[in-house]
Every structure is written in C-alpha cells, then in structure tokens.
Amino acid sequence: MKATIVTLPGDGIGREVVAEGVKVLQAVAAQYHHTFEFHEHMIGGCALDATGNPLPEATLTACRAADAVLLGA
C-alpha cells in the first residue's frame, strides 16, 4: 500500500504529537511493507503569522489531494 499523508502540526503540543504519530506510522509501514509519503503544511497560529490566514489555500489543496491527514490538535 502506498499513501500520501499530509501532516498538520499546528501550534503548541501539536508538533510533538504529530512527530510521534509519524514515528508510529513509519513503524507500521516497515512492519507491513507499506509506503507512506509525508508532507507537512501549516495550520492555526503559525499559518496565521506566516500568511495572514489560519487555513491557507495551499494547506486545503494538499489535504484534498492526500489519502489521509494527520492533525496535531
């Protein structure tokens, strides 16, 4: 199985939560011979600071194109 996963760490503890979630998914991929391609995008306060929008269009586009989204809320 091959899947594209968009990661949205967001703010605060979300960064740590997503990082650990990616580690778990990488272990699953190794165990079951899957291939996961991860793409990180901005959401929340960090996106607001960088773009003036808490949910930038690039993030929405990436999420719509992905097989899955991992949100660190």
PDB file of N, CA and C in Angstrom:
ATOM      1  N   MET A   1       0.839  -1.176   0.000  1.00  0.00           N
ATOM      2  CA  MET A   1       0.000   0.000   0.000  1.00  0.00           C
ATOM      3  C   MET A   1       0.884   1.240   0.000  1.00  0.00           C
ATOM      4  N   LYS A   2       0.511   2.203  -0.799  1.00  0.00           N
ATOM      5  CA  LYS A   2       1.210   3.486  -0.827  1.00  0.00           C
ATOM      6  C   LYS A   2       0.190   4.569  -0.525  1.00  0.00           C
ATOM      7  N   ALA A   3       0.559   5.501   0.346  1.00  0.00           N
ATOM      8  CA  ALA A   3      -0.362   6.577   0.713  1.00  0.00           C
ATOM      9  C   ALA A   3       0.398   7.873   0.935  1.00  0.00           C
ATOM     10  N   THR A   4      -0.238   8.955   0.555  1.00  0.00           N
ATOM     11  CA  THR A   4       0.278  10.290   0.829  1.00  0.00           C
ATOM     12  C   THR A   4      -0.470  10.827   2.042  1.00  0.00           C
ATOM     13  N   ILE A   5       0.292  11.286   3.030  1.00  0.00           N
ATOM     14  CA  ILE A   5      -0.294  11.780   4.274  1.00  0.00           C
ATOM     15  C   ILE A   5       0.168  13.211   4.504  1.00  0.00           C
ATOM     16  N   VAL A   6      -0.783  14.116   4.635  1.00  0.00           N
ATOM     17  CA  VAL A   6      -0.472  15.498   4.989  1.00  0.00           C
ATOM     18  C   VAL A   6      -0.456  15.587   6.506  1.00  0.00           C
ATOM     19  N   THR A   7       0.610  16.161   7.051  1.00  0.00           N
ATOM     20  CA  THR A   7       0.686  16.376   8.494  1.00  0.00           C
ATOM     21  C   THR A   7       0.465  17.855   8.775  1.00  0.00           C
ATOM     22  N   LEU A   8      -0.357  18.107   9.792  1.00  0.00           N
ATOM     23  CA  LEU A   8      -0.684  19.471  10.203  1.00  0.00           C
ATOM     24  C   LEU A   8      -0.355  19.610  11.683  1.00  0.00           C
ATOM     25  N   PRO A   9       0.911  19.920  12.007  1.00  0.00           N
ATOM     26  CA  PRO A   9       1.298  20.009  13.414  1.00  0.00           C
ATOM     27  C   PRO A   9       0.593  21.121  14.175  1.00  0.00           C
ATOM     28  N   GLY A  10       0.317  22.214  13.497  1.00  0.00           N
ATOM     29  CA  GLY A  10      -0.342  23.323  14.179  1.00  0.00           C
ATOM     30  C   GLY A  10       0.550  23.963  15.216  1.00  0.00           C
ATOM     31  N   ASP A  11      -0.038  24.306  16.349  1.00  0.00           N
ATOM     32  CA  ASP A  11       0.654  25.059  17.391  1.00  0.00           C
ATOM     33  C   ASP A  11       0.786  24.224  18.664  1.00  0.00           C
ATOM     34  N   GLY A  12       1.566  24.739  19.581  1.00  0.00           N
ATOM     35  CA  GLY A  12       1.686  24.107  20.894  1.00  0.00           C
ATOM     36  C   GLY A  12       2.182  22.677  20.820  1.00  0.00           C
ATOM     37  N   ILE A  13       1.524  21.803  21.573  1.00  0.00           N
ATOM     38  CA  ILE A  13       1.948  20.409  21.670  1.00  0.00           C
ATOM     39  C   ILE A  13       1.687  19.625  20.387  1.00  0.00           C
ATOM     40  N   GLY A  14       0.928  20.202  19.473  1.00  0.00           N
ATOM     41  CA  GLY A  14       0.642  19.536  18.206  1.00  0.00           C
ATOM     42  C   GLY A  14       1.889  19.082  17.475  1.00  0.00           C
ATOM     43  N   ARG A  15       2.953  19.865  17.561  1.00  0.00           N
ATOM     44  CA  ARG A  15       4.209  19.497  16.899  1.00  0.00           C
ATOM     45  C   ARG A  15       4.741  18.175  17.433  1.00  0.00           C
ATOM     46  N   GLU A  16       4.740  18.035  18.752  1.00  0.00           N
ATOM     47  CA  GLU A  16       5.241  16.803  19.365  1.00  0.00           C
ATOM     48  C   GLU A  16       4.311  15.627  19.070  1.00  0.00           C
ATOM     49  N   VAL A  17       3.014  15.869  19.128  1.00  0.00           N
ATOM     50  CA  VAL A  17       2.030  14.809  18.873  1.00  0.00           C
ATOM     51  C   VAL A  17       2.178  14.282  17.447  1.00  0.00           C
ATOM     52  N   VAL A  18       2.275  15.173  16.489  1.00  0.00           N
ATOM     53  CA  VAL A  18       2.405  14.753  15.093  1.00  0.00           C
ATOM     54  C   VAL A  18       3.731  14.028  14.869  1.00  0.00           C
ATOM     55  N   ALA A  19       4.807  14.518  15.452  1.00  0.00           N
ATOM     56  CA  ALA A  19       6.107  13.861  15.287  1.00  0.00           C
ATOM     57  C   ALA A  19       6.055  12.412  15.776  1.00  0.00           C
ATOM     58  N   GLU A  20       5.413  12.184  16.916  1.00  0.00           N
ATOM     59  CA  GLU A  20       5.298  10.819  17.444  1.00  0.00           C
ATOM     60  C   GLU A  20       4.348   9.984  16.586  1.00  0.00           C
ATOM     61  N   GLY A  21       3.289  10.600  16.094  1.00  0.00           N
ATOM     62  CA  GLY A  21       2.369   9.893  15.202  1.00  0.00           C
ATOM     63  C   GLY A  21       3.049   9.441  13.922  1.00  0.00           C
ATOM     64  N   VAL A  22       3.908  10.283  13.381  1.00  0.00           N
ATOM     65  CA  VAL A  22       4.664   9.924  12.178  1.00  0.00           C
ATOM     66  C   VAL A  22       5.581   8.744  12.479  1.00  0.00           C
ATOM     67  N   LYS A  23       6.221   8.735  13.639  1.00  0.00           N
ATOM     68  CA  LYS A  23       7.079   7.598  14.017  1.00  0.00           C
ATOM     69  C   LYS A  23       6.279   6.299  14.057  1.00  0.00           C
ATOM     70  N   VAL A  24       5.092   6.355  14.627  1.00  0.00           N
ATOM     71  CA  VAL A  24       4.233   5.166  14.690  1.00  0.00           C
ATOM     72  C   VAL A  24       3.869   4.708  13.279  1.00  0.00           C
ATOM     73  N   LEU A  25       3.475   5.639  12.430  1.00  0.00           N
ATOM     74  CA  LEU A  25       3.108   5.277  11.060  1.00  0.00           C
ATOM     75  C   LEU A  25       4.299   4.721  10.281  1.00  0.00           C
ATOM     76  N   GLN A  26       5.494   5.237  10.533  1.00  0.00           N
ATOM     77  CA  GLN A  26       6.690   4.701   9.885  1.00  0.00           C
ATOM     78  C   GLN A  26       6.955   3.266  10.342  1.00  0.00           C
ATOM     79  N   ALA A  27       6.718   2.984  11.617  1.00  0.00           N
ATOM     80  CA  ALA A  27       6.884   1.621  12.133  1.00  0.00           C
ATOM     81  C   ALA A  27       5.854   0.681  11.504  1.00  0.00           C
ATOM     82  N   VAL A  28       4.622   1.140  11.376  1.00  0.00           N
ATOM     83  CA  VAL A  28       3.572   0.346  10.719  1.00  0.00           C
ATOM     84  C   VAL A  28       3.964   0.073   9.269  1.00  0.00           C
ATOM     85  N   ALA A  29       4.444   1.096   8.584  1.00  0.00           N
ATOM     86  CA  ALA A  29       4.851   0.946   7.189  1.00  0.00           C
ATOM     87  C   ALA A  29       5.958  -0.096   7.051  1.00  0.00           C
ATOM     88  N   ALA A  30       6.932  -0.056   7.937  1.00  0.00           N
ATOM     89  CA  ALA A  30       8.035  -1.016   7.884  1.00  0.00           C
ATOM     90  C   ALA A  30       7.546  -2.436   8.165  1.00  0.00           C
ATOM     91  N   GLN A  31       6.685  -2.573   9.149  1.00  0.00           N
ATOM     92  CA  GLN A  31       6.181  -3.894   9.547  1.00  0.00           C
ATOM     93  C   GLN A  31       5.329  -4.540   8.451  1.00  0.00           C
ATOM     94  N   TYR A  32       4.519  -3.738   7.786  1.00  0.00           N
ATOM     95  CA  TYR A  32       3.547  -4.285   6.837  1.00  0.00           C
ATOM     96  C   TYR A  32       3.850  -3.947   5.373  1.00  0.00           C
ATOM     97  N   HIS A  33       5.076  -3.470   5.122  1.00  0.00           N
ATOM     98  CA  HIS A  33       5.550  -3.195   3.765  1.00  0.00           C
ATOM     99  C   HIS A  33       4.684  -2.167   3.035  1.00  0.00           C
ATOM    100  N   HIS A  34       4.309  -1.126   3.771  1.00  0.00           N
ATOM    101  CA  HIS A  34       3.585  -0.002   3.190  1.00  0.00           C
ATOM    102  C   HIS A  34       4.576   1.121   2.905  1.00  0.00           C
ATOM    103  N   THR A  35       4.171   2.047   2.086  1.00  0.00           N
ATOM    104  CA  THR A  35       4.966   3.236   1.808  1.00  0.00           C
ATOM    105  C   THR A  35       4.098   4.452   2.097  1.00  0.00           C
ATOM    106  N   PHE A  36       4.529   5.254   3.056  1.00  0.00           N
ATOM    107  CA  PHE A  36       3.816   6.479   3.392  1.00  0.00           C
ATOM    108  C   PHE A  36       4.701   7.666   3.039  1.00  0.00           C
ATOM    109  N   GLU A  37       4.158   8.590   2.301  1.00  0.00           N
ATOM    110  CA  GLU A  37       4.858   9.817   1.938  1.00  0.00           C
ATOM    111  C   GLU A  37       4.218  10.949   2.735  1.00  0.00           C
ATOM    112  N   PHE A  38       5.025  11.625   3.551  1.00  0.00           N
ATOM    113  CA  PHE A  38       4.518  12.670   4.439  1.00  0.00           C
ATOM    114  C   PHE A  38       4.830  14.055   3.872  1.00  0.00           C
ATOM    115  N   HIS A  39       3.842  14.943   3.960  1.00  0.00           N
ATOM    116  CA  HIS A  39       4.009  16.336   3.548  1.00  0.00           C
ATOM    117  C   HIS A  39       3.450  17.219   4.657  1.00  0.00           C
ATOM    118  N   GLU A  40       4.296  18.057   5.235  1.00  0.00           N
ATOM    119  CA  GLU A  40       3.860  18.940   6.319  1.00  0.00           C
ATOM    120  C   GLU A  40       3.348  20.264   5.765  1.00  0.00           C
ATOM    121  N   HIS A  41       2.233  20.718   6.324  1.00  0.00           N
ATOM    122  CA  HIS A  41       1.659  22.011   5.946  1.00  0.00           C
ATOM    123  C   HIS A  41       1.259  22.781   7.197  1.00  0.00           C
ATOM    124  N   MET A  42       1.049  24.075   7.023  1.00  0.00           N
ATOM    125  CA  MET A  42       0.728  24.956   8.153  1.00  0.00           C
ATOM    126  C   MET A  42      -0.771  25.031   8.402  1.00  0.00           C
ATOM    127  N   ILE A  43      -1.104  25.192   9.691  1.00  0.00           N
ATOM    128  CA  ILE A  43      -2.481  25.428  10.113  1.00  0.00           C
ATOM    129  C   ILE A  43      -2.430  26.159  11.451  1.00  0.00           C
ATOM    130  N   GLY A  44      -3.432  26.950  11.727  1.00  0.00           N
ATOM    131  CA  GLY A  44      -3.521  27.612  13.030  1.00  0.00           C
ATOM    132  C   GLY A  44      -2.685  28.870  13.129  1.00  0.00           C
ATOM    133  N   GLY A  45      -2.181  29.123  14.329  1.00  0.00           N
ATOM    134  CA  GLY A  45      -1.440  30.346  14.610  1.00  0.00           C
ATOM    135  C   GLY A  45      -0.196  30.526  13.768  1.00  0.00           C
ATOM    136  N   CYS A  46       0.546  29.439  13.546  1.00  0.00           N
ATOM    137  CA  CYS A  46       1.764  29.563  12.733  1.00  0.00           C
ATOM    138  C   CYS A  46       1.411  29.947  11.297  1.00  0.00           C
ATOM    139  N   ALA A  47       0.312  29.422  10.780  1.00  0.00           N
ATOM    140  CA  ALA A  47      -0.138  29.787   9.432  1.00  0.00           C
ATOM    141  C   ALA A  47      -0.626  31.231   9.402  1.00  0.00           C
ATOM    142  N   LEU A  48      -1.332  31.622  10.443  1.00  0.00           N
ATOM    143  CA  LEU A  48      -1.826  32.995  10.535  1.00  0.00           C
ATOM    144  C   LEU A  48      -0.666  33.981  10.547  1.00  0.00           C
ATOM    145  N   ASP A  49       0.366  33.682  11.334  1.00  0.00           N
ATOM    146  CA  ASP A  49       1.543  34.547  11.396  1.00  0.00           C
ATOM    147  C   ASP A  49       2.265  34.621  10.048  1.00  0.00           C
ATOM    148  N   ALA A  50       2.374  33.489   9.367  1.00  0.00           N
ATOM    149  CA  ALA A  50       3.142  33.431   8.122  1.00  0.00           C
ATOM    150  C   ALA A  50       2.369  33.933   6.910  1.00  0.00           C
ATOM    151  N   THR A  51       1.049  33.712   6.902  1.00  0.00           N
ATOM    152  CA  THR A  51       0.292  34.012   5.687  1.00  0.00           C
ATOM    153  C   THR A  51      -0.890  34.955   5.895  1.00  0.00           C
ATOM    154  N   GLY A  52      -1.246  35.198   7.154  1.00  0.00           N
ATOM    155  CA  GLY A  52      -2.426  36.011   7.430  1.00  0.00           C
ATOM    156  C   GLY A  52      -3.719  35.215   7.394  1.00  0.00           C
ATOM    157  N   ASN A  53      -3.605  33.895   7.231  1.00  0.00           N
ATOM    158  CA  ASN A  53      -4.772  33.020   7.132  1.00  0.00           C
ATOM    159  C   ASN A  53      -4.512  31.765   7.975  1.00  0.00           C
ATOM    160  N   PRO A  54      -5.405  31.409   8.899  1.00  0.00           N
ATOM    161  CA  PRO A  54      -5.170  30.227   9.728  1.00  0.00           C
ATOM    162  C   PRO A  54      -5.294  28.906   8.964  1.00  0.00           C
ATOM    163  N   LEU A  55      -5.924  28.951   7.798  1.00  0.00           N
ATOM    164  CA  LEU A  55      -6.042  27.758   6.953  1.00  0.00           C
ATOM    165  C   LEU A  55      -5.760  28.158   5.503  1.00  0.00           C
ATOM    166  N   PRO A  56      -4.468  28.238   5.158  1.00  0.00           N
ATOM    167  CA  PRO A  56      -4.086  28.701   3.823  1.00  0.00           C
ATOM    168  C   PRO A  56      -4.622  27.787   2.716  1.00  0.00           C
ATOM    169  N   GLU A  57      -4.835  28.364   1.576  1.00  0.00           N
ATOM    170  CA  GLU A  57      -5.334  27.606   0.423  1.00  0.00           C
ATOM    171  C   GLU A  57      -4.403  26.452   0.072  1.00  0.00           C
ATOM    172  N   ALA A  58      -3.088  26.652   0.199  1.00  0.00           N
ATOM    173  CA  ALA A  58      -2.134  25.574  -0.099  1.00  0.00           C
ATOM    174  C   ALA A  58      -2.352  24.375   0.820  1.00  0.00           C
ATOM    175  N   THR A  59      -2.689  24.639   2.074  1.00  0.00           N
ATOM    176  CA  THR A  59      -2.968  23.561   3.021  1.00  0.00           C
ATOM    177  C   THR A  59      -4.238  22.822   2.619  1.00  0.00           C
ATOM    178  N   LEU A  60      -5.277  23.559   2.292  1.00  0.00           N
ATOM    179  CA  LEU A  60      -6.532  22.937   1.851  1.00  0.00           C
ATOM    180  C   LEU A  60      -6.333  22.092   0.599  1.00  0.00           C
ATOM    181  N   THR A  61      -5.606  22.617  -0.349  1.00  0.00           N
ATOM    182  CA  THR A  61      -5.349  21.894  -1.593  1.00  0.00           C
ATOM    183  C   THR A  61      -4.596  20.601  -1.318  1.00  0.00           C
ATOM    184  N   ALA A  62      -3.572  20.678  -0.470  1.00  0.00           N
ATOM    185  CA  ALA A  62      -2.789  19.486  -0.134  1.00  0.00           C
ATOM    186  C   ALA A  62      -3.641  18.448   0.583  1.00  0.00           C
ATOM    187  N   CYS A  63      -4.481  18.885   1.502  1.00  0.00           N
ATOM    188  CA  CYS A  63      -5.346  17.964   2.241  1.00  0.00           C
ATOM    189  C   CYS A  63      -6.329  17.266   1.312  1.00  0.00           C
ATOM    190  N   ARG A  64      -6.874  18.010   0.389  1.00  0.00           N
ATOM    191  CA  ARG A  64      -7.835  17.416  -0.556  1.00  0.00           C
ATOM    192  C   ARG A  64      -7.176  16.386  -1.464  1.00  0.00           C
ATOM    193  N   ALA A  65      -5.909  16.597  -1.793  1.00  0.00           N
ATOM    194  CA  ALA A  65      -5.195  15.689  -2.692  1.00  0.00           C
ATOM    195  C   ALA A  65      -4.625  14.472  -1.968  1.00  0.00           C
ATOM    196  N   ALA A  66      -4.494  14.543  -0.656  1.00  0.00           N
ATOM    197  CA  ALA A  66      -3.867  13.472   0.124  1.00  0.00           C
ATOM    198  C   ALA A  66      -4.817  12.303   0.345  1.00  0.00           C
ATOM    199  N   ASP A  67      -4.220  11.175   0.688  1.00  0.00           N
ATOM    200  CA  ASP A  67      -5.000   9.995   1.071  1.00  0.00           C
ATOM    201  C   ASP A  67      -5.457  10.086   2.520  1.00  0.00           C
ATOM    202  N   ALA A  68      -4.684  10.821   3.335  1.00  0.00           N
ATOM    203  CA  ALA A  68      -5.011  10.967   4.758  1.00  0.00           C
ATOM    204  C   ALA A  68      -4.411  12.261   5.280  1.00  0.00           C
ATOM    205  N   VAL A  69      -4.960  12.724   6.409  1.00  0.00           N
ATOM    206  CA  VAL A  69      -4.466  13.926   7.078  1.00  0.00           C
ATOM    207  C   VAL A  69      -4.243  13.583   8.540  1.00  0.00           C
ATOM    208  N   LEU A  70      -3.071  13.948   9.063  1.00  0.00           N
ATOM    209  CA  LEU A  70      -2.752  13.759  10.477  1.00  0.00           C
ATOM    210  C   LEU A  70      -2.696  15.141  11.118  1.00  0.00           C
ATOM    211  N   LEU A  71      -3.704  15.446  11.941  1.00  0.00           N
ATOM    212  CA  LEU A  71      -3.829  16.756  12.578  1.00  0.00           C
ATOM    213  C   LEU A  71      -3.409  16.660  14.031  1.00  0.00           C
ATOM    214  N   GLY A  72      -2.444  17.472  14.412  1.00  0.00           N
ATOM    215  CA  GLY A  72      -1.992  17.507  15.803  1.00  0.00           C
ATOM    216  C   GLY A  72      -2.715  18.593  16.556  1.00  0.00           C
ATOM    217  N   ALA A  73      -3.851  18.265  17.100  1.00  0.00           N
ATOM    218  CA  ALA A  73      -4.658  19.257  17.808  1.00  0.00           C
ATOM    219  C   ALA A  73      -4.576  19.045  19.304  1.00  0.00           C
TER     220      ALA A  73
END
